[in-house]
Amino acid sequence: MGALHVSEPRVTFQPQLQAAAKSGHHPGGHGAVVEEIHGLIRVYKDGHVERPPAIPDVPCTWGSTAPGAPGGVVARDVAVDRATGVWARLYAPTATSAGSLPVVVYFHGGGFCVGSAAWSCYHEFLAQLAARAGCAVMSVDYRLAPEHRLPAAFDDGLAAVRWLRHQAQAATSRAANDDLSWWRARCAFDRVFLAGDSAGANIAFHVAARLGQGHLGALSPLAVRGAVLIQPFFGGEARTASEKTLPQPPRSALTLATSDCYWRLALPAGATRDHPWCNPLSRGAPRLETLPLPPLLVCVSETDILRDRNLELCRAMRKAGKSVEQAVYGGVGHAFQVLHNYHLSQPRTEEMLAHIKAFVAAR
């Protein structure tokens, strides 16, 4: 996601920092600013990174998941990998029978460089997803670039699935009650779905492929039934028509300039946008026919600069024999379902939740 415009007040740097930014230098001695997406991330010559709090972090007991709230969803935060600092926020509807909920492993967007499972917009959306689609959700807070360039986010995605497999094994062994028993008891671990939006959808795609290739060995008692890719963030050196000509309003979440900046910060140093992690249709990428992917639901926004690239990927995967469903949401752009930055955001979000619910229920 690019420049964000939400109802919460945006950060304002102190005057001396603003003046330093205009001059290209930082008073702390970090040197010139070499990359910047206004209001989201600033990278200095010495590698120092600043991320203004563009969207507030909220606790797991905030809003619809607060004790006694009418949302009917409970949430908790858990450590996934203490060595890397990866953690997750777990959601589950309170009114459900044991072992009945499919599990959605979700990766947030943010161009691999910003975002958090604690951001209020993701907390709201995923609590809503748990309630509307009737599923348990594991929202993964993975490491960010440029401090941790790709494939760090993919590795963290695999770590999340490894953690989930451990929980599934604990559930089948009827382990003693602990602080996760409430969540495990609700989960149908043989119905796991990988999902994400923007960069998170890219992560879901690559983690699904790696799981299919056996990177974690046998997944049992887990079973991955599908993947939901919402406005997946892919790129390429050659521009698509929507990237070149689709005008973006001032409140757009992703422009071509911000997209290019994210890729410069996220890909291995020196890589181009035709790197397979960015462009799965490039000559250097594995043939789609060889990728062991589960059934896919791809959610595309009509006014998103990624529209044509998303549709091209759908066509290519179908040609490669993959099971692909696609849904196109009219009159809205990138990240509408979390930023609510279009007048049609609410009805289109309702449509998206219904599509995800149907996709999951069919599997």
Protein backbone atom coordinates (compact mmCIF):
# COMPACT_ATOMS: atom_id res chain seq x y z
CA MET A 1 0.00 0.00 0.00
CA GLY A 2 1.24 3.47 -0.73
CA ALA A 3 0.34 6.84 0.75
CA LEU A 4 -2.48 6.25 3.22
CA HIS A 5 -5.33 8.65 3.90
CA VAL A 6 -7.44 7.54 6.83
CA SER A 7 -9.61 9.16 9.46
CA GLU A 8 -6.94 9.00 12.15
CA PRO A 9 -4.59 12.02 12.36
CA ARG A 10 -1.36 11.52 10.46
CA VAL A 11 2.02 11.98 12.01
CA THR A 12 3.76 15.33 11.85
CA PHE A 13 7.52 15.40 12.27
CA GLN A 14 9.02 17.95 14.58
CA PRO A 15 9.96 21.20 12.78
CA GLN A 16 13.67 20.47 12.91
CA LEU A 17 13.10 17.04 11.35
CA GLN A 18 10.87 18.53 8.65
CA ALA A 19 13.57 21.08 7.82
CA ALA A 20 16.16 18.32 7.76
CA ALA A 21 14.01 16.30 5.39
CA LYS A 22 13.80 19.22 2.97
CA SER A 23 17.57 19.59 3.01
CA GLY A 24 18.06 15.85 2.54
CA HIS A 25 19.95 15.40 5.79
CA HIS A 26 19.08 14.18 9.25
CA PRO A 27 20.26 15.92 12.43
CA GLY A 28 21.09 12.55 13.97
CA GLY A 29 23.88 12.04 11.44
CA HIS A 30 22.17 9.45 9.22
CA GLY A 31 23.02 11.29 6.02
CA ALA A 32 20.79 11.96 3.06
CA VAL A 33 17.31 10.51 2.59
CA VAL A 34 17.65 7.95 -0.21
CA GLU A 35 14.07 6.61 -0.37
CA GLU A 36 10.81 8.02 0.97
CA ILE A 37 7.08 7.39 0.74
CA HIS A 38 5.47 10.39 2.38
CA GLY A 39 3.94 9.67 5.75
CA LEU A 40 4.91 5.99 5.71
CA ILE A 41 8.63 5.34 5.45
CA ARG A 42 11.92 7.23 5.14
CA VAL A 43 15.24 5.48 4.48
CA TYR A 44 18.59 7.21 5.02
CA LYS A 45 21.94 6.69 3.37
CA ASP A 46 23.35 4.84 6.39
CA GLY A 47 20.40 2.42 6.40
CA HIS A 48 18.47 4.08 9.21
CA VAL A 49 14.70 3.68 8.72
CA GLU A 50 11.88 5.82 10.08
CA ARG A 51 8.23 4.74 9.96
CA PRO A 52 5.83 7.43 11.18
CA PRO A 53 2.73 5.97 12.91
CA ALA A 54 0.45 6.61 9.91
CA ILE A 55 -2.19 4.25 11.27
CA PRO A 56 -2.51 3.56 15.00
CA ASP A 57 -1.63 0.22 16.51
CA VAL A 58 -4.47 -1.15 18.65
CA PRO A 59 -4.53 -3.91 21.28
CA CYS A 60 -6.27 -7.21 20.65
CA THR A 61 -9.09 -6.13 22.97
CA TRP A 62 -9.97 -3.04 20.90
CA GLY A 63 -13.24 -2.26 19.14
CA SER A 64 -15.38 -5.24 18.16
CA THR A 65 -13.09 -7.65 20.07
CA ALA A 66 -13.32 -5.75 23.37
CA PRO A 67 -14.79 -7.77 26.28
CA GLY A 68 -18.56 -7.59 26.05
CA ALA A 69 -18.57 -5.97 22.60
CA PRO A 70 -21.46 -6.99 20.33
CA GLY A 71 -19.10 -8.19 17.57
CA GLY A 72 -19.01 -11.74 18.92
CA VAL A 73 -15.29 -12.18 18.15
CA VAL A 74 -12.43 -12.69 20.57
CA ALA A 75 -8.77 -11.96 19.76
CA ARG A 76 -5.41 -12.67 21.38
CA ASP A 77 -1.75 -11.97 20.51
CA VAL A 78 0.82 -14.79 20.47
CA ALA A 79 4.55 -15.16 19.81
CA VAL A 80 5.28 -17.23 16.70
CA ASP A 81 9.09 -17.08 16.58
CA ARG A 82 10.86 -15.32 19.44
CA ALA A 83 14.20 -15.44 17.60
CA THR A 84 12.91 -13.26 14.75
CA GLY A 85 10.22 -11.36 16.64
CA VAL A 86 7.41 -12.67 14.46
CA TRP A 87 4.04 -12.72 16.22
CA ALA A 88 0.39 -13.14 15.30
CA ARG A 89 -3.06 -11.96 16.32
CA LEU A 90 -5.61 -14.76 16.60
CA TYR A 91 -9.35 -14.23 16.03
CA ALA A 92 -12.33 -16.53 16.48
CA PRO A 93 -16.09 -16.09 16.74
CA THR A 94 -17.32 -16.83 20.25
CA ALA A 95 -20.50 -18.64 19.22
CA THR A 96 -19.29 -21.77 17.45
CA SER A 97 -19.07 -25.50 18.01
CA ALA A 98 -15.75 -27.18 18.71
CA GLY A 99 -13.47 -27.93 15.78
CA SER A 100 -15.78 -26.37 13.21
CA LEU A 101 -13.94 -23.26 12.00
CA PRO A 102 -11.72 -23.19 8.92
CA VAL A 103 -8.44 -21.38 9.64
CA VAL A 104 -7.31 -18.39 7.57
CA VAL A 105 -3.60 -17.51 7.85
CA TYR A 106 -3.52 -13.83 6.84
CA PHE A 107 -0.64 -11.58 5.78
CA HIS A 108 -1.18 -7.80 5.86
CA GLY A 109 -0.27 -5.43 3.04
CA GLY A 110 2.21 -2.56 2.99
CA GLY A 111 4.62 -3.18 0.14
CA PHE A 112 6.67 -5.51 2.41
CA CYS A 113 7.94 -2.32 4.08
CA VAL A 114 5.18 -1.01 6.35
CA GLY A 115 2.09 -2.32 8.12
CA SER A 116 1.32 -4.44 11.14
CA ALA A 117 -1.13 -7.01 12.39
CA ALA A 118 -1.84 -4.43 15.11
CA TRP A 119 -2.90 -1.67 12.69
CA SER A 120 -6.47 -0.64 13.48
CA CYS A 121 -7.60 -1.09 9.85
CA TYR A 122 -6.46 -4.71 9.76
CA HIS A 123 -7.83 -5.44 13.22
CA GLU A 124 -11.26 -4.19 12.10
CA PHE A 125 -11.22 -6.04 8.78
CA LEU A 126 -10.07 -9.38 10.19
CA ALA A 127 -12.47 -9.30 13.12
CA GLN A 128 -15.16 -8.70 10.51
CA LEU A 129 -13.82 -11.56 8.37
CA ALA A 130 -13.90 -13.95 11.33
CA ALA A 131 -17.50 -13.01 12.12
CA ARG A 132 -18.89 -12.83 8.58
CA ALA A 133 -17.06 -15.78 7.02
CA GLY A 134 -17.24 -17.94 10.15
CA CYS A 135 -13.55 -18.69 10.42
CA ALA A 136 -10.62 -18.55 12.78
CA VAL A 137 -7.94 -16.10 11.68
CA MET A 138 -4.20 -16.01 12.32
CA SER A 139 -2.95 -12.53 11.31
CA VAL A 140 0.84 -12.72 10.95
CA ASP A 141 3.14 -9.82 11.84
CA TYR A 142 6.18 -10.60 9.69
CA ARG A 143 9.54 -8.83 9.40
CA LEU A 144 9.68 -5.78 7.14
CA ALA A 145 12.05 -4.54 4.44
CA PRO A 146 14.45 -2.90 3.91
CA GLU A 147 15.92 -4.15 7.20
CA HIS A 148 14.76 -7.64 6.22
CA ARG A 149 14.55 -7.92 2.45
CA LEU A 150 12.82 -10.78 0.70
CA PRO A 151 12.73 -13.72 1.22
CA ALA A 152 12.45 -12.86 4.95
CA ALA A 153 8.67 -12.37 4.71
CA PHE A 154 8.28 -15.71 2.92
CA ASP A 155 10.40 -17.40 5.59
CA ASP A 156 8.19 -15.85 8.27
CA GLY A 157 5.12 -17.12 6.44
CA LEU A 158 6.52 -20.64 6.59
CA ALA A 159 7.31 -20.13 10.28
CA ALA A 160 3.67 -19.17 10.85
CA VAL A 161 2.45 -22.35 9.19
CA ARG A 162 4.97 -24.37 11.20
CA TRP A 163 3.57 -22.79 14.39
CA LEU A 164 0.04 -23.61 13.24
CA ARG A 165 1.02 -27.23 12.61
CA HIS A 166 2.31 -27.40 16.18
CA GLN A 167 -1.04 -26.12 17.44
CA ALA A 168 -2.85 -28.72 15.35
CA GLN A 169 -0.67 -31.45 16.82
CA ALA A 170 -1.36 -30.14 20.32
CA ALA A 171 -5.10 -30.25 19.60
CA THR A 172 -5.01 -33.84 18.38
CA SER A 173 -2.93 -34.95 21.35
CA ARG A 174 -5.44 -33.38 23.74
CA ALA A 175 -2.70 -31.43 25.44
CA ALA A 176 -3.34 -29.86 28.81
CA ASN A 177 -5.28 -26.64 28.84
CA ASP A 178 -3.22 -23.51 28.20
CA ASP A 179 -3.88 -19.95 27.10
CA LEU A 180 -4.46 -21.09 23.49
CA SER A 181 -6.89 -23.89 24.21
CA TRP A 182 -9.86 -21.61 23.53
CA TRP A 183 -8.62 -20.97 19.97
CA ARG A 184 -7.38 -24.48 19.13
CA ALA A 185 -10.68 -26.01 20.23
CA ARG A 186 -12.56 -23.96 17.61
CA CYS A 187 -10.25 -24.75 14.68
CA ALA A 188 -10.69 -27.28 11.90
CA PHE A 189 -6.99 -27.66 11.14
CA ASP A 190 -7.69 -29.81 8.09
CA ARG A 191 -9.22 -26.73 6.41
CA VAL A 192 -6.46 -24.11 6.28
CA PHE A 193 -6.46 -21.18 3.85
CA LEU A 194 -3.60 -18.78 3.13
CA ALA A 195 -4.69 -15.20 2.47
CA GLY A 196 -3.47 -11.64 2.30
CA ASP A 197 -3.84 -8.31 0.57
CA SER A 198 -1.32 -6.48 -1.61
CA ALA A 199 2.16 -7.57 -0.48
CA GLY A 200 0.45 -10.01 1.88
CA ALA A 201 -1.21 -11.70 -1.11
CA ASN A 202 2.23 -12.01 -2.72
CA ILE A 203 3.44 -13.69 0.48
CA ALA A 204 0.43 -16.04 0.50
CA PHE A 205 1.16 -17.01 -3.12
CA HIS A 206 4.83 -17.78 -2.52
CA VAL A 207 4.22 -19.54 0.81
CA ALA A 208 1.56 -21.72 -0.86
CA ALA A 209 4.04 -22.67 -3.58
CA ARG A 210 6.77 -23.46 -1.05
CA LEU A 211 4.42 -25.59 1.02
CA GLY A 212 3.42 -27.47 -2.11
CA GLN A 213 7.10 -28.02 -2.87
CA GLY A 214 7.56 -29.62 0.55
CA HIS A 215 9.54 -26.88 2.30
CA LEU A 216 8.00 -27.89 5.65
CA GLY A 217 7.73 -31.58 4.88
CA ALA A 218 4.47 -33.31 5.74
CA LEU A 219 1.87 -30.80 6.92
CA SER A 220 -0.41 -33.33 8.60
CA PRO A 221 -2.62 -32.79 10.55
CA LEU A 222 -2.83 -29.49 8.63
CA ALA A 223 -4.32 -29.41 5.13
CA VAL A 224 -4.14 -26.28 2.94
CA ARG A 225 -7.39 -26.08 0.99
CA GLY A 226 -6.94 -22.81 -0.86
CA ALA A 227 -5.52 -19.30 -1.01
CA VAL A 228 -7.21 -15.90 -1.21
CA LEU A 229 -5.18 -13.22 -3.00
CA ILE A 230 -6.62 -9.73 -2.51
CA GLN A 231 -5.16 -7.18 -4.96
CA PRO A 232 -1.90 -9.18 -5.10
CA PHE A 233 1.19 -6.99 -5.29
CA PHE A 234 3.25 -8.15 -8.26
CA GLY A 235 5.26 -6.15 -10.76
CA GLY A 236 7.47 -6.29 -13.81
CA GLU A 237 9.85 -4.18 -15.86
CA ALA A 238 7.31 -3.85 -18.67
CA ARG A 239 4.34 -1.71 -17.63
CA THR A 240 0.76 -2.89 -18.03
CA ALA A 241 -1.93 -0.62 -19.46
CA SER A 242 -3.47 0.04 -16.03
CA GLU A 243 -0.07 0.91 -14.59
CA LYS A 244 0.61 3.38 -17.42
CA THR A 245 -2.75 5.01 -17.94
CA LEU A 246 -5.11 4.45 -15.00
CA PRO A 247 -5.40 7.80 -13.19
CA GLN A 248 -5.10 7.65 -9.43
CA PRO A 249 -7.07 9.98 -7.14
CA PRO A 250 -5.26 11.91 -4.39
CA ARG A 251 -6.44 9.33 -1.85
CA SER A 252 -5.09 6.36 -3.80
CA ALA A 253 -3.32 3.73 -1.70
CA LEU A 254 -0.90 2.74 -4.46
CA THR A 255 0.69 4.75 -7.25
CA LEU A 256 3.32 3.62 -9.71
CA ALA A 257 5.97 5.67 -7.91
CA THR A 258 5.21 4.12 -4.51
CA SER A 259 5.04 0.65 -6.08
CA ASP A 260 8.50 1.08 -7.62
CA CYS A 261 9.88 2.38 -4.31
CA TYR A 262 8.55 -0.61 -2.40
CA TRP A 263 10.17 -3.01 -4.86
CA ARG A 264 13.53 -1.21 -4.62
CA LEU A 265 13.40 -1.61 -0.84
CA ALA A 266 12.04 -5.17 -0.72
CA LEU A 267 13.85 -7.11 -3.44
CA PRO A 268 17.44 -8.33 -3.03
CA ALA A 269 19.88 -5.51 -3.75
CA GLY A 270 20.42 -5.13 -7.48
CA ALA A 271 17.38 -7.19 -8.51
CA THR A 272 14.98 -5.88 -11.14
CA ARG A 273 11.19 -6.04 -11.11
CA ASP A 274 11.43 -9.16 -13.27
CA HIS A 275 12.78 -11.09 -10.29
CA PRO A 276 10.50 -14.13 -9.78
CA TRP A 277 9.42 -12.86 -6.35
CA CYS A 278 8.06 -9.75 -8.05
CA ASN A 279 7.04 -11.12 -11.44
CA PRO A 280 5.92 -14.78 -11.40
CA LEU A 281 5.37 -14.58 -15.19
CA SER A 282 8.93 -13.49 -16.02
CA ARG A 283 11.30 -15.67 -18.01
CA GLY A 284 13.36 -16.38 -14.91
CA ALA A 285 10.37 -17.54 -12.82
CA PRO A 286 9.39 -21.19 -12.44
CA ARG A 287 6.77 -22.25 -14.97
CA LEU A 288 3.32 -21.96 -13.41
CA GLU A 289 2.57 -25.52 -14.56
CA THR A 290 5.28 -26.73 -12.17
CA LEU A 291 4.03 -24.82 -9.11
CA PRO A 292 1.93 -27.00 -6.78
CA LEU A 293 -0.67 -24.36 -5.91
CA PRO A 294 -4.00 -24.91 -4.13
CA PRO A 295 -7.26 -23.48 -5.55
CA LEU A 296 -7.12 -19.69 -5.67
CA LEU A 297 -9.56 -16.81 -5.24
CA VAL A 298 -8.12 -13.59 -6.70
CA CYS A 299 -9.84 -10.33 -5.72
CA VAL A 300 -9.22 -7.47 -8.16
CA SER A 301 -10.12 -3.78 -7.82
CA GLU A 302 -11.33 -2.00 -10.97
CA THR A 303 -9.40 1.25 -10.44
CA ASP A 304 -6.24 -0.33 -8.97
CA ILE A 305 -3.07 0.13 -11.01
CA LEU A 306 -2.48 -3.59 -10.38
CA ARG A 307 -5.77 -4.52 -12.10
CA ASP A 308 -4.34 -5.64 -15.44
CA ARG A 309 -1.42 -7.46 -13.85
CA ASN A 310 -3.81 -9.31 -11.52
CA LEU A 311 -6.07 -10.30 -14.42
CA GLU A 312 -3.07 -11.38 -16.49
CA LEU A 313 -1.93 -13.65 -13.65
CA CYS A 314 -5.41 -15.20 -13.45
CA ARG A 315 -5.37 -15.96 -17.18
CA ALA A 316 -1.87 -17.42 -17.01
CA MET A 317 -2.71 -19.65 -14.05
CA ARG A 318 -5.86 -20.94 -15.73
CA LYS A 319 -3.83 -21.68 -18.86
CA ALA A 320 -1.40 -23.59 -16.63
CA GLY A 321 -4.27 -25.73 -15.38
CA LYS A 322 -4.71 -24.11 -11.97
CA SER A 323 -8.07 -23.70 -10.26
CA VAL A 324 -8.69 -19.94 -10.19
CA GLU A 325 -11.74 -17.92 -9.27
CA GLN A 326 -11.64 -14.17 -9.76
CA ALA A 327 -13.82 -11.34 -8.50
CA VAL A 328 -13.60 -7.77 -9.77
CA TYR A 329 -14.90 -4.96 -7.56
CA GLY A 330 -16.19 -1.95 -9.50
CA GLY A 331 -15.55 1.67 -8.61
CA VAL A 332 -12.88 1.02 -5.98
CA GLY A 333 -9.09 0.92 -5.87
CA HIS A 334 -6.24 -0.64 -3.97
CA ALA A 335 -6.87 -1.56 -0.32
CA PHE A 336 -10.43 -0.18 -0.30
CA GLN A 337 -11.51 -2.90 2.12
CA VAL A 338 -9.16 -1.71 4.87
CA LEU A 339 -8.81 2.02 4.15
CA HIS A 340 -12.45 2.78 3.27
CA ASN A 341 -11.18 5.49 0.91
CA TYR A 342 -13.87 5.17 -1.78
CA HIS A 343 -17.57 5.95 -1.49
CA LEU A 344 -18.34 2.36 -2.56
CA SER A 345 -15.90 0.82 -0.07
CA GLN A 346 -18.56 -0.49 2.31
CA PRO A 347 -20.79 -2.34 -0.19
CA ARG A 348 -17.76 -3.68 -2.06
CA THR A 349 -16.25 -4.91 1.22
CA GLU A 350 -19.51 -6.73 1.94
CA GLU A 351 -19.25 -8.35 -1.50
CA MET A 352 -15.65 -9.36 -0.86
CA LEU A 353 -16.47 -10.94 2.51
CA ALA A 354 -19.32 -12.87 0.88
CA HIS A 355 -16.99 -14.12 -1.87
CA ILE A 356 -14.37 -15.24 0.65
CA LYS A 357 -17.03 -16.95 2.76
CA ALA A 358 -18.35 -18.87 -0.27
CA PHE A 359 -14.84 -19.83 -1.43
CA VAL A 360 -13.91 -21.17 2.02
CA ALA A 361 -17.25 -22.91 2.59
CA ALA A 362 -16.92 -24.82 -0.70
CA ARG A 363 -13.70 -26.41 0.52
